[in-house]
Each structure stands twice: as C-alpha cells, then as structure tokens.
PDB file of N, CA and C in Angstrom:
ATOM      1  N   MET A   1      60.575  -5.354 -10.946  1.00  0.00           N
ATOM      2  CA  MET A   1      59.440  -5.526 -10.142  1.00  0.00           C
ATOM      3  C   MET A   1      58.226  -4.786 -10.656  1.00  0.00           C
ATOM      4  N   ALA A   2      58.476  -3.695 -11.254  1.00  0.00           N
ATOM      5  CA  ALA A   2      57.390  -2.931 -11.816  1.00  0.00           C
ATOM      6  C   ALA A   2      56.680  -3.723 -12.886  1.00  0.00           C
ATOM      7  N   THR A   3      57.449  -4.518 -13.615  1.00  0.00           N
ATOM      8  CA  THR A   3      56.866  -5.329 -14.667  1.00  0.00           C
ATOM      9  C   THR A   3      55.994  -6.418 -14.069  1.00  0.00           C
ATOM     10  N   THR A   4      56.430  -7.006 -12.982  1.00  0.00           N
ATOM     11  CA  THR A   4      55.667  -8.068 -12.335  1.00  0.00           C
ATOM     12  C   THR A   4      54.384  -7.512 -11.751  1.00  0.00           C
ATOM     13  N   ALA A   5      54.434  -6.360 -11.120  1.00  0.00           N
ATOM     14  CA  ALA A   5      53.244  -5.738 -10.563  1.00  0.00           C
ATOM     15  C   ALA A   5      52.284  -5.349 -11.661  1.00  0.00           C
ATOM     16  N   LYS A   6      52.855  -4.841 -12.747  1.00  0.00           N
ATOM     17  CA  LYS A   6      52.011  -4.451 -13.874  1.00  0.00           C
ATOM     18  C   LYS A   6      51.354  -5.693 -14.484  1.00  0.00           C
ATOM     19  N   SER A   7      52.103  -6.776 -14.582  1.00  0.00           N
ATOM     20  CA  SER A   7      51.604  -8.027 -15.142  1.00  0.00           C
ATOM     21  C   SER A   7      50.500  -8.602 -14.251  1.00  0.00           C
ATOM     22  N   THR A   8      50.695  -8.562 -12.942  1.00  0.00           N
ATOM     23  CA  THR A   8      49.697  -9.056 -11.989  1.00  0.00           C
ATOM     24  C   THR A   8      48.454  -8.190 -12.054  1.00  0.00           C
ATOM     25  N   ASN A   9      48.641  -6.898 -12.161  1.00  0.00           N
ATOM     26  CA  ASN A   9      47.531  -5.956 -12.256  1.00  0.00           C
ATOM     27  C   ASN A   9      46.726  -6.207 -13.527  1.00  0.00           C
ATOM     28  N   THR A  10      47.438  -6.479 -14.605  1.00  0.00           N
ATOM     29  CA  THR A  10      46.766  -6.751 -15.874  1.00  0.00           C
ATOM     30  C   THR A  10      45.982  -8.056 -15.784  1.00  0.00           C
ATOM     31  N   SER A  11      46.535  -9.065 -15.133  1.00  0.00           N
ATOM     32  CA  SER A  11      45.851 -10.348 -14.956  1.00  0.00           C
ATOM     33  C   SER A  11      44.587 -10.171 -14.127  1.00  0.00           C
ATOM     34  N   GLU A  12      44.683  -9.386 -13.079  1.00  0.00           N
ATOM     35  CA  GLU A  12      43.520  -9.134 -12.219  1.00  0.00           C
ATOM     36  C   GLU A  12      42.446  -8.385 -12.999  1.00  0.00           C
ATOM     37  N   ASN A  13      42.876  -7.419 -13.805  1.00  0.00           N
ATOM     38  CA  ASN A  13      41.920  -6.665 -14.626  1.00  0.00           C
ATOM     39  C   ASN A  13      41.235  -7.587 -15.639  1.00  0.00           C
ATOM     40  N   THR A  14      42.017  -8.499 -16.216  1.00  0.00           N
ATOM     41  CA  THR A  14      41.459  -9.435 -17.191  1.00  0.00           C
ATOM     42  C   THR A  14      40.450 -10.362 -16.525  1.00  0.00           C
ATOM     43  N   GLU A  15      40.775 -10.852 -15.322  1.00  0.00           N
ATOM     44  CA  GLU A  15      39.858 -11.722 -14.590  1.00  0.00           C
ATOM     45  C   GLU A  15      38.589 -10.974 -14.220  1.00  0.00           C
ATOM     46  N   THR A  16      38.746  -9.735 -13.812  1.00  0.00           N
ATOM     47  CA  THR A  16      37.594  -8.917 -13.451  1.00  0.00           C
ATOM     48  C   THR A  16      36.701  -8.700 -14.672  1.00  0.00           C
ATOM     49  N   LEU A  17      37.330  -8.420 -15.807  1.00  0.00           N
ATOM     50  CA  LEU A  17      36.559  -8.239 -17.037  1.00  0.00           C
ATOM     51  C   LEU A  17      35.862  -9.537 -17.448  1.00  0.00           C
ATOM     52  N   ASN A  18      36.591 -10.660 -17.336  1.00  0.00           N
ATOM     53  CA  ASN A  18      35.985 -11.953 -17.679  1.00  0.00           C
ATOM     54  C   ASN A  18      34.798 -12.259 -16.772  1.00  0.00           C
ATOM     55  N   THR A  19      34.952 -11.996 -15.492  1.00  0.00           N
ATOM     56  CA  THR A  19      33.864 -12.211 -14.536  1.00  0.00           C
ATOM     57  C   THR A  19      32.686 -11.307 -14.862  1.00  0.00           C
ATOM     58  N   ALA A  20      32.976 -10.044 -15.163  1.00  0.00           N
ATOM     59  CA  ALA A  20      31.908  -9.100 -15.516  1.00  0.00           C
ATOM     60  C   ALA A  20      31.218  -9.528 -16.797  1.00  0.00           C
ATOM     61  N   ASN A  21      32.006  -9.967 -17.790  1.00  0.00           N
ATOM     62  CA  ASN A  21      31.416 -10.441 -19.053  1.00  0.00           C
ATOM     63  C   ASN A  21      30.550 -11.672 -18.827  1.00  0.00           C
ATOM     64  N   GLN A  22      31.037 -12.583 -17.995  1.00  0.00           N
ATOM     65  CA  GLN A  22      30.256 -13.780 -17.694  1.00  0.00           C
ATOM     66  C   GLN A  22      28.959 -13.424 -16.988  1.00  0.00           C
ATOM     67  N   ALA A  23      29.010 -12.465 -16.092  1.00  0.00           N
ATOM     68  CA  ALA A  23      27.809 -12.030 -15.380  1.00  0.00           C
ATOM     69  C   ALA A  23      26.806 -11.416 -16.351  1.00  0.00           C
ATOM     70  N   VAL A  24      27.291 -10.604 -17.272  1.00  0.00           N
ATOM     71  CA  VAL A  24      26.413  -9.976 -18.266  1.00  0.00           C
ATOM     72  C   VAL A  24      25.795 -11.054 -19.161  1.00  0.00           C
ATOM     73  N   ILE A  25      26.633 -12.007 -19.579  1.00  0.00           N
ATOM     74  CA  ILE A  25      26.132 -13.081 -20.443  1.00  0.00           C
ATOM     75  C   ILE A  25      25.110 -13.927 -19.691  1.00  0.00           C
ATOM     76  N   THR A  26      25.404 -14.229 -18.431  1.00  0.00           N
ATOM     77  CA  THR A  26      24.476 -15.025 -17.614  1.00  0.00           C
ATOM     78  C   THR A  26      23.152 -14.292 -17.440  1.00  0.00           C
ATOM     79  N   GLU A  27      23.221 -13.002 -17.163  1.00  0.00           N
ATOM     80  CA  GLU A  27      21.997 -12.214 -17.006  1.00  0.00           C
ATOM     81  C   GLU A  27      21.205 -12.166 -18.303  1.00  0.00           C
ATOM     82  N   ALA A  28      21.898 -12.009 -19.419  1.00  0.00           N
ATOM     83  CA  ALA A  28      21.213 -11.968 -20.714  1.00  0.00           C
ATOM     84  C   ALA A  28      20.575 -13.320 -21.021  1.00  0.00           C
ATOM     85  N   ALA A  29      21.279 -14.403 -20.733  1.00  0.00           N
ATOM     86  CA  ALA A  29      20.734 -15.743 -20.971  1.00  0.00           C
ATOM     87  C   ALA A  29      19.537 -15.998 -20.065  1.00  0.00           C
ATOM     88  N   THR A  30      19.635 -15.579 -18.825  1.00  0.00           N
ATOM     89  CA  THR A  30      18.526 -15.748 -17.876  1.00  0.00           C
ATOM     90  C   THR A  30      17.302 -14.965 -18.338  1.00  0.00           C
ATOM     91  N   ALA A  31      17.519 -13.734 -18.763  1.00  0.00           N
ATOM     92  CA  ALA A  31      16.401 -12.912 -19.242  1.00  0.00           C
ATOM     93  C   ALA A  31      15.758 -13.536 -20.480  1.00  0.00           C
ATOM     94  N   ALA A  32      16.597 -14.039 -21.383  1.00  0.00           N
ATOM     95  CA  ALA A  32      16.058 -14.677 -22.593  1.00  0.00           C
ATOM     96  C   ALA A  32      15.283 -15.939 -22.236  1.00  0.00           C
ATOM     97  N   ALA A  33      15.808 -16.700 -21.290  1.00  0.00           N
ATOM     98  CA  ALA A  33      15.118 -17.926 -20.866  1.00  0.00           C
ATOM     99  C   ALA A  33      13.774 -17.590 -20.225  1.00  0.00           C
ATOM    100  N   HIS A  34      13.760 -16.581 -19.362  1.00  0.00           N
ATOM    101  CA  HIS A  34      12.497 -16.168 -18.733  1.00  0.00           C
ATOM    102  C   HIS A  34      11.486 -15.709 -19.777  1.00  0.00           C
ATOM    103  N   LYS A  35      11.958 -14.965 -20.746  1.00  0.00           N
ATOM    104  CA  LYS A  35      11.068 -14.472 -21.799  1.00  0.00           C
ATOM    105  C   LYS A  35      10.489 -15.645 -22.596  1.00  0.00           C
ATOM    106  N   ALA A  36      11.328 -16.620 -22.919  1.00  0.00           N
ATOM    107  CA  ALA A  36      10.866 -17.788 -23.670  1.00  0.00           C
ATOM    108  C   ALA A  36       9.875 -18.605 -22.850  1.00  0.00           C
ATOM    109  N   ILE A  37      10.153 -18.752 -21.556  1.00  0.00           N
ATOM    110  CA  ILE A  37       9.245 -19.508 -20.686  1.00  0.00           C
ATOM    111  C   ILE A  37       7.911 -18.799 -20.569  1.00  0.00           C
ATOM    112  N   GLU A  38       7.922 -17.498 -20.418  1.00  0.00           N
ATOM    113  CA  GLU A  38       6.678 -16.733 -20.335  1.00  0.00           C
ATOM    114  C   GLU A  38       5.875 -16.849 -21.629  1.00  0.00           C
ATOM    115  N   ALA A  39       6.558 -16.808 -22.764  1.00  0.00           N
ATOM    116  CA  ALA A  39       5.860 -16.950 -24.050  1.00  0.00           C
ATOM    117  C   ALA A  39       5.232 -18.337 -24.161  1.00  0.00           C
ATOM    118  N   MET A  40       5.970 -19.357 -23.743  1.00  0.00           N
ATOM    119  CA  MET A  40       5.426 -20.718 -23.791  1.00  0.00           C
ATOM    120  C   MET A  40       4.259 -20.867 -22.821  1.00  0.00           C
ATOM    121  N   ALA A  41       4.364 -20.256 -21.657  1.00  0.00           N
ATOM    122  CA  ALA A  41       3.282 -20.321 -20.672  1.00  0.00           C
ATOM    123  C   ALA A  41       2.024 -19.657 -21.212  1.00  0.00           C
ATOM    124  N   GLU A  42       2.190 -18.541 -21.887  1.00  0.00           N
ATOM    125  CA  GLU A  42       1.034 -17.853 -22.474  1.00  0.00           C
ATOM    126  C   GLU A  42       0.372 -18.719 -23.537  1.00  0.00           C
ATOM    127  N   LYS A  43       1.185 -19.362 -24.374  1.00  0.00           N
ATOM    128  CA  LYS A  43       0.630 -20.260 -25.392  1.00  0.00           C
ATOM    129  C   LYS A  43      -0.076 -21.438 -24.742  1.00  0.00           C
ATOM    130  N   ALA A  44       0.483 -21.951 -23.664  1.00  0.00           N
ATOM    131  CA  ALA A  44      -0.145 -23.069 -22.949  1.00  0.00           C
ATOM    132  C   ALA A  44      -1.471 -22.630 -22.342  1.00  0.00           C
ATOM    133  N   ARG A  45      -1.511 -21.415 -21.795  1.00  0.00           N
ATOM    134  CA  ARG A  45      -2.775 -20.898 -21.242  1.00  0.00           C
ATOM    135  C   ARG A  45      -3.829 -20.771 -22.332  1.00  0.00           C
ATOM    136  N   ALA A  46      -3.427 -20.266 -23.484  1.00  0.00           N
ATOM    137  CA  ALA A  46      -4.375 -20.121 -24.597  1.00  0.00           C
ATOM    138  C   ALA A  46      -4.860 -21.491 -25.064  1.00  0.00           C
ATOM    139  N   ALA A  47      -3.963 -22.458 -25.143  1.00  0.00           N
ATOM    140  CA  ALA A  47      -4.355 -23.806 -25.562  1.00  0.00           C
ATOM    141  C   ALA A  47      -5.293 -24.439 -24.539  1.00  0.00           C
ATOM    142  N   GLU A  48      -5.009 -24.230 -23.262  1.00  0.00           N
ATOM    143  CA  GLU A  48      -5.877 -24.780 -22.216  1.00  0.00           C
ATOM    144  C   GLU A  48      -7.268 -24.156 -22.282  1.00  0.00           C
ATOM    145  N   THR A  49      -7.310 -22.855 -22.478  1.00  0.00           N
ATOM    146  CA  THR A  49      -8.606 -22.169 -22.576  1.00  0.00           C
ATOM    147  C   THR A  49      -9.397 -22.690 -23.766  1.00  0.00           C
ATOM    148  N   ALA A  50      -8.741 -22.829 -24.905  1.00  0.00           N
ATOM    149  CA  ALA A  50      -9.424 -23.334 -26.097  1.00  0.00           C
ATOM    150  C   ALA A  50      -9.910 -24.766 -25.883  1.00  0.00           C
ATOM    151  N   THR A  51      -9.106 -25.582 -25.225  1.00  0.00           N
ATOM    152  CA  THR A  51      -9.496 -26.965 -24.955  1.00  0.00           C
ATOM    153  C   THR A  51     -10.690 -27.017 -24.016  1.00  0.00           C
ATOM    154  N   ARG A  52     -10.657 -26.202 -22.975  1.00  0.00           N
ATOM    155  CA  ARG A  52     -11.774 -26.180 -22.028  1.00  0.00           C
ATOM    156  C   ARG A  52     -13.063 -25.705 -22.714  1.00  0.00           C
ATOM    157  N   GLN A  53     -12.952 -24.685 -23.566  1.00  0.00           N
ATOM    158  CA  GLN A  53     -14.137 -24.198 -24.275  1.00  0.00           C
ATOM    159  C   GLN A  53     -14.678 -25.270 -25.215  1.00  0.00           C
ATOM    160  N   GLY A  54     -13.778 -25.953 -25.914  1.00  0.00           N
ATOM    161  CA  GLY A  54     -14.205 -27.026 -26.809  1.00  0.00           C
ATOM    162  C   GLY A  54     -14.883 -28.146 -26.055  1.00  0.00           C
ATOM    163  N   ALA A  55     -14.344 -28.504 -24.907  1.00  0.00           N
ATOM    164  CA  ALA A  55     -14.948 -29.555 -24.091  1.00  0.00           C
ATOM    165  C   ALA A  55     -16.320 -29.120 -23.578  1.00  0.00           C
ATOM    166  N   HIS A  56     -16.430 -27.864 -23.195  1.00  0.00           N
ATOM    167  CA  HIS A  56     -17.719 -27.353 -22.707  1.00  0.00           C
ATOM    168  C   HIS A  56     -18.769 -27.390 -23.817  1.00  0.00           C
ATOM    169  N   HIS A  57     -18.398 -26.948 -25.013  1.00  0.00           N
ATOM    170  CA  HIS A  57     -19.339 -26.965 -26.134  1.00  0.00           C
ATOM    171  C   HIS A  57     -19.722 -28.394 -26.499  1.00  0.00           C
ATOM    172  N   SER A  58     -18.758 -29.301 -26.467  1.00  0.00           N
ATOM    173  CA  SER A  58     -19.051 -30.706 -26.760  1.00  0.00           C
ATOM    174  C   SER A  58     -20.006 -31.283 -25.726  1.00  0.00           C
ATOM    175  N   SER A  59     -19.772 -30.935 -24.482  1.00  0.00           N
ATOM    176  CA  SER A  59     -20.637 -31.411 -23.406  1.00  0.00           C
ATOM    177  C   SER A  59     -22.071 -30.908 -23.596  1.00  0.00           C
ATOM    178  N   GLU A  60     -22.192 -29.650 -23.945  1.00  0.00           N
ATOM    179  CA  GLU A  60     -23.534 -29.099 -24.190  1.00  0.00           C
ATOM    180  C   GLU A  60     -24.207 -29.774 -25.377  1.00  0.00           C
ATOM    181  N   ALA A  61     -23.444 -30.005 -26.442  1.00  0.00           N
ATOM    182  CA  ALA A  61     -24.013 -30.650 -27.628  1.00  0.00           C
ATOM    183  C   ALA A  61     -24.443 -32.074 -27.311  1.00  0.00           C
ATOM    184  N   LEU A  62     -23.642 -32.790 -26.537  1.00  0.00           N
ATOM    185  CA  LEU A  62     -24.014 -34.154 -26.160  1.00  0.00           C
ATOM    186  C   LEU A  62     -25.252 -34.172 -25.267  1.00  0.00           C
ATOM    187  N   ALA A  63     -25.337 -33.234 -24.355  1.00  0.00           N
ATOM    188  CA  ALA A  63     -26.515 -33.154 -23.486  1.00  0.00           C
ATOM    189  C   ALA A  63     -27.775 -32.875 -24.313  1.00  0.00           C
ATOM    190  N   GLN A  64     -27.649 -32.012 -25.311  1.00  0.00           N
ATOM    191  CA  GLN A  64     -28.791 -31.700 -26.176  1.00  0.00           C
ATOM    192  C   GLN A  64     -29.187 -32.935 -26.987  1.00  0.00           C
ATOM    193  N   LYS A  65     -28.202 -33.653 -27.553  1.00  0.00           N
ATOM    194  CA  LYS A  65     -28.497 -34.865 -28.323  1.00  0.00           C
ATOM    195  C   LYS A  65     -29.140 -35.915 -27.438  1.00  0.00           C
ATOM    196  N   LYS A  66     -28.653 -36.035 -26.196  1.00  0.00           N
ATOM    197  CA  LYS A  66     -29.229 -37.007 -25.262  1.00  0.00           C
ATOM    198  C   LYS A  66     -30.705 -36.689 -25.019  1.00  0.00           C
ATOM    199  N   ALA A  67     -31.013 -35.415 -24.801  1.00  0.00           N
ATOM    200  CA  ALA A  67     -32.399 -35.014 -24.563  1.00  0.00           C
ATOM    201  C   ALA A  67     -33.265 -35.309 -25.789  1.00  0.00           C
ATOM    202  N   GLU A  68     -32.722 -35.042 -26.993  1.00  0.00           N
ATOM    203  CA  GLU A  68     -33.474 -35.316 -28.216  1.00  0.00           C
ATOM    204  C   GLU A  68     -33.740 -36.812 -28.377  1.00  0.00           C
ATOM    205  N   LEU A  69     -32.734 -37.631 -28.127  1.00  0.00           N
ATOM    206  CA  LEU A  69     -32.898 -39.078 -28.252  1.00  0.00           C
ATOM    207  C   LEU A  69     -33.865 -39.628 -27.205  1.00  0.00           C
ATOM    208  N   GLN A  70     -33.815 -39.092 -26.000  1.00  0.00           N
ATOM    209  CA  GLN A  70     -34.765 -39.517 -24.972  1.00  0.00           C
ATOM    210  C   GLN A  70     -36.193 -39.157 -25.373  1.00  0.00           C
ATOM    211  N   ALA A  71     -36.368 -37.990 -25.955  1.00  0.00           N
ATOM    212  CA  ALA A  71     -37.701 -37.581 -26.406  1.00  0.00           C
ATOM    213  C   ALA A  71     -38.193 -38.506 -27.517  1.00  0.00           C
ATOM    214  N   GLN A  72     -37.293 -38.854 -28.456  1.00  0.00           N
ATOM    215  CA  GLN A  72     -37.686 -39.783 -29.529  1.00  0.00           C
ATOM    216  C   GLN A  72     -38.020 -41.158 -28.969  1.00  0.00           C
ATOM    217  N   ALA A  73     -37.239 -41.641 -28.014  1.00  0.00           N
ATOM    218  CA  ALA A  73     -37.504 -42.953 -27.414  1.00  0.00           C
ATOM    219  C   ALA A  73     -38.842 -42.948 -26.696  1.00  0.00           C
ATOM    220  N   ASN A  74     -39.134 -41.868 -25.982  1.00  0.00           N
ATOM    221  CA  ASN A  74     -40.428 -41.761 -25.295  1.00  0.00           C
ATOM    222  C   ASN A  74     -41.572 -41.742 -26.296  1.00  0.00           C
ATOM    223  N   HIS A  75     -41.383 -41.020 -27.395  1.00  0.00           N
ATOM    224  CA  HIS A  75     -42.416 -40.940 -28.431  1.00  0.00           C
ATOM    225  C   HIS A  75     -42.669 -42.316 -29.048  1.00  0.00           C
ATOM    226  N   LEU A  76     -41.589 -43.035 -29.348  1.00  0.00           N
ATOM    227  CA  LEU A  76     -41.739 -44.382 -29.913  1.00  0.00           C
ATOM    228  C   LEU A  76     -42.411 -45.325 -28.923  1.00  0.00           C
ATOM    229  N   ALA A  77     -42.064 -45.222 -27.647  1.00  0.00           N
ATOM    230  CA  ALA A  77     -42.686 -46.074 -26.625  1.00  0.00           C
ATOM    231  C   ALA A  77     -44.178 -45.772 -26.516  1.00  0.00           C
ATOM    232  N   GLU A  78     -44.535 -44.491 -26.560  1.00  0.00           N
ATOM    233  CA  GLU A  78     -45.953 -44.116 -26.503  1.00  0.00           C
ATOM    234  C   GLU A  78     -46.706 -44.651 -27.724  1.00  0.00           C
ATOM    235  N   ASN A  79     -46.078 -44.553 -28.909  1.00  0.00           N
ATOM    236  CA  ASN A  79     -46.707 -45.081 -30.121  1.00  0.00           C
ATOM    237  C   ASN A  79     -46.896 -46.592 -30.022  1.00  0.00           C
ATOM    238  N   ALA A  80     -45.905 -47.293 -29.508  1.00  0.00           N
ATOM    239  CA  ALA A  80     -46.016 -48.747 -29.367  1.00  0.00           C
ATOM    240  C   ALA A  80     -47.112 -49.108 -28.375  1.00  0.00           C
ATOM    241  N   GLN A  81     -47.184 -48.389 -27.273  1.00  0.00           N
ATOM    242  CA  GLN A  81     -48.241 -48.661 -26.299  1.00  0.00           C
ATOM    243  C   GLN A  81     -49.622 -48.388 -26.889  1.00  0.00           C
ATOM    244  N   GLY A  82     -49.712 -47.315 -27.654  1.00  0.00           N
ATOM    245  CA  GLY A  82     -50.994 -47.007 -28.308  1.00  0.00           C
ATOM    246  C   GLY A  82     -51.389 -48.100 -29.285  1.00  0.00           C
ATOM    247  N   PHE A  83     -50.447 -48.624 -30.049  1.00  0.00           N
ATOM    248  CA  PHE A  83     -50.745 -49.705 -31.001  1.00  0.00           C
ATOM    249  C   PHE A  83     -51.194 -50.953 -30.261  1.00  0.00           C
ATOM    250  N   VAL A  84     -50.528 -51.286 -29.151  1.00  0.00           N
ATOM    251  CA  VAL A  84     -50.891 -52.477 -28.376  1.00  0.00           C
ATOM    252  C   VAL A  84     -52.303 -52.326 -27.813  1.00  0.00           C
ATOM    253  N   HIS A  85     -52.646 -51.139 -27.324  1.00  0.00           N
ATOM    254  CA  HIS A  85     -53.998 -50.929 -26.774  1.00  0.00           C
ATOM    255  C   HIS A  85     -55.061 -50.991 -27.867  1.00  0.00           C
ATOM    256  N   LYS A  86     -54.767 -50.472 -29.048  1.00  0.00           N
ATOM    257  CA  LYS A  86     -55.746 -50.476 -30.139  1.00  0.00           C
ATOM    258  C   LYS A  86     -55.865 -51.850 -30.795  1.00  0.00           C
ATOM    259  N   HIS A  87     -54.751 -52.579 -30.892  1.00  0.00           N
ATOM    260  CA  HIS A  87     -54.732 -53.855 -31.612  1.00  0.00           C
ATOM    261  C   HIS A  87     -54.037 -54.929 -30.769  1.00  0.00           C
ATOM    262  N   PRO A  88     -54.715 -55.423 -29.728  1.00  0.00           N
ATOM    263  CA  PRO A  88     -54.054 -56.366 -28.830  1.00  0.00           C
ATOM    264  C   PRO A  88     -53.737 -57.718 -29.504  1.00  0.00           C
ATOM    265  N   PHE A  89     -54.649 -58.235 -30.357  1.00  0.00           N
ATOM    266  CA  PHE A  89     -54.404 -59.536 -30.981  1.00  0.00           C
ATOM    267  C   PHE A  89     -53.296 -59.444 -32.035  1.00  0.00           C
ATOM    268  N   ALA A  90     -53.285 -58.371 -32.781  1.00  0.00           N
ATOM    269  CA  ALA A  90     -52.231 -58.176 -33.770  1.00  0.00           C
ATOM    270  C   ALA A  90     -50.877 -58.031 -33.071  1.00  0.00           C
ATOM    271  N   SER A  91     -50.868 -57.337 -31.943  1.00  0.00           N
ATOM    272  CA  SER A  91     -49.633 -57.173 -31.180  1.00  0.00           C
ATOM    273  C   SER A  91     -49.118 -58.516 -30.686  1.00  0.00           C
ATOM    274  N   ALA A  92     -50.025 -59.349 -30.198  1.00  0.00           N
ATOM    275  CA  ALA A  92     -49.625 -60.671 -29.717  1.00  0.00           C
ATOM    276  C   ALA A  92     -49.077 -61.509 -30.880  1.00  0.00           C
ATOM    277  N   GLY A  93     -49.702 -61.435 -32.045  1.00  0.00           N
ATOM    278  CA  GLY A  93     -49.244 -62.179 -33.223  1.00  0.00           C
ATOM    279  C   GLY A  93     -47.861 -61.702 -33.665  1.00  0.00           C
ATOM    280  N   ILE A  94     -47.655 -60.394 -33.650  1.00  0.00           N
ATOM    281  CA  ILE A  94     -46.356 -59.837 -34.040  1.00  0.00           C
ATOM    282  C   ILE A  94     -45.286 -60.279 -33.048  1.00  0.00           C
ATOM    283  N   ALA A  95     -45.614 -60.263 -31.752  1.00  0.00           N
ATOM    284  CA  ALA A  95     -44.661 -60.682 -30.736  1.00  0.00           C
ATOM    285  C   ALA A  95     -44.316 -62.164 -30.896  1.00  0.00           C
ATOM    286  N   PHE A  96     -45.324 -62.990 -31.184  1.00  0.00           N
ATOM    287  CA  PHE A  96     -45.081 -64.417 -31.385  1.00  0.00           C
ATOM    288  C   PHE A  96     -44.181 -64.638 -32.605  1.00  0.00           C
ATOM    289  N   ALA A  97     -44.485 -63.961 -33.703  1.00  0.00           N
ATOM    290  CA  ALA A  97     -43.687 -64.110 -34.923  1.00  0.00           C
ATOM    291  C   ALA A  97     -42.247 -63.648 -34.705  1.00  0.00           C
ATOM    292  N   ALA A  98     -42.070 -62.562 -34.018  1.00  0.00           N
ATOM    293  CA  ALA A  98     -40.718 -62.066 -33.737  1.00  0.00           C
ATOM    294  C   ALA A  98     -39.956 -63.057 -32.861  1.00  0.00           C
ATOM    295  N   GLY A  99     -40.633 -63.627 -31.862  1.00  0.00           N
ATOM    296  CA  GLY A  99     -39.993 -64.622 -30.998  1.00  0.00           C
ATOM    297  C   GLY A  99     -39.603 -65.864 -31.768  1.00  0.00           C
ATOM    298  N   ALA A 100     -40.491 -66.329 -32.649  1.00  0.00           N
ATOM    299  CA  ALA A 100     -40.199 -67.520 -33.453  1.00  0.00           C
ATOM    300  C   ALA A 100     -39.017 -67.251 -34.389  1.00  0.00           C
ATOM    301  N   LEU A 101     -38.980 -66.076 -34.978  1.00  0.00           N
ATOM    302  CA  LEU A 101     -37.876 -65.716 -35.870  1.00  0.00           C
ATOM    303  C   LEU A 101     -36.545 -65.683 -35.112  1.00  0.00           C
ATOM    304  N   LEU A 102     -36.539 -65.071 -33.953  1.00  0.00           N
ATOM    305  CA  LEU A 102     -35.312 -65.013 -33.151  1.00  0.00           C
ATOM    306  C   LEU A 102     -34.890 -66.407 -32.695  1.00  0.00           C
ATOM    307  N   ALA A 103     -35.845 -67.230 -32.303  1.00  0.00           N
ATOM    308  CA  ALA A 103     -35.515 -68.590 -31.867  1.00  0.00           C
ATOM    309  C   ALA A 103     -34.904 -69.388 -33.003  1.00  0.00           C
ATOM    310  N   SER A 104     -35.449 -69.219 -34.209  1.00  0.00           N
ATOM    311  CA  SER A 104     -34.884 -69.969 -35.351  1.00  0.00           C
ATOM    312  C   SER A 104     -33.497 -69.444 -35.721  1.00  0.00           C
ATOM    313  N   CYS A 105     -33.252 -68.177 -35.524  1.00  0.00           N
ATOM    314  CA  CYS A 105     -31.920 -67.624 -35.811  1.00  0.00           C
ATOM    315  C   CYS A 105     -30.877 -68.106 -34.816  1.00  0.00           C
ATOM    316  N   PHE A 106     -31.261 -68.262 -33.569  1.00  0.00           N
ATOM    317  CA  PHE A 106     -30.310 -68.621 -32.525  1.00  0.00           C
ATOM    318  C   PHE A 106     -30.301 -70.107 -32.172  1.00  0.00           C
ATOM    319  N   SER A 107     -31.123 -70.876 -32.824  1.00  0.00           N
ATOM    320  CA  SER A 107     -31.128 -72.312 -32.519  1.00  0.00           C
ATOM    321  C   SER A 107     -29.862 -72.961 -33.045  1.00  0.00           C
ATOM    322  N   LYS A 108     -29.449 -74.057 -32.425  1.00  0.00           N
ATOM    323  CA  LYS A 108     -28.186 -74.697 -32.778  1.00  0.00           C
ATOM    324  C   LYS A 108     -28.417 -75.908 -33.692  1.00  0.00           C
ATOM    325  N   ARG A 109     -29.462 -75.925 -34.431  1.00  0.00           N
ATOM    326  CA  ARG A 109     -29.713 -77.015 -35.377  1.00  0.00           C
ATOM    327  C   ARG A 109     -28.764 -76.910 -36.545  1.00  0.00           C
ATOM    328  N   SER A 110     -28.317 -78.055 -37.007  1.00  0.00           N
ATOM    329  CA  SER A 110     -27.408 -78.062 -38.162  1.00  0.00           C
ATOM    330  C   SER A 110     -28.172 -78.247 -39.435  1.00  0.00           C
TER     331      SER A 110
END
C-alpha cells in the first residue's frame, strides 16, 4: 500500500508541476503577445501620424496651387477684357474666325 500511495502522490505532484508549467508558459506567451501587440500598435500610431501629416501638407499645397491658378485665370480674364475694350472690331473678327474654325472641325461633311 505504501507503494500505491507513493505512486499516487507522485502522480499528483507531476500533475501539479505540469499545471504550474502550463501556467508559466501561458503567462509568458500572453506577455509576449501583449508586447508584440503594443509594438505593432505603436508602429500603427506612427504610420497614422505620418499619413495625417502628409495629407495635411498635400492639402495645403493644393490650396496654394488653387489660389495661384485662380490668380492667373483672373489676370488672363482681365487682359482679355482689356483687349476687347481697346480693340472691339479685332475682337469680333477673332471671335468670328474661331467660331468658323470650330464649326468646320465639328461639321459632319464628308
């Protein structure tokens, strides 16, 4: 009987050790997983920040280009109006010629 009790005691000790080892392994795996997730989250935060900054700079650059193009368009419109006021007959002739050219380009004559 002593052998059976000793054998049962040894089995219980082995199970306890296995359970303890599994708990240690589980805790170590959990800690490693948390560490990896935190590292990935930090990289994602850095990537998001860089993306947002890039988008902001692009937005500013586009707004500046838009303002420049609007200024050029206004300047060209003012120049065209000035030419029409100074040379009304020449402007009418140019408009007629441009219309005739466009009509001949888009006409369906064979």
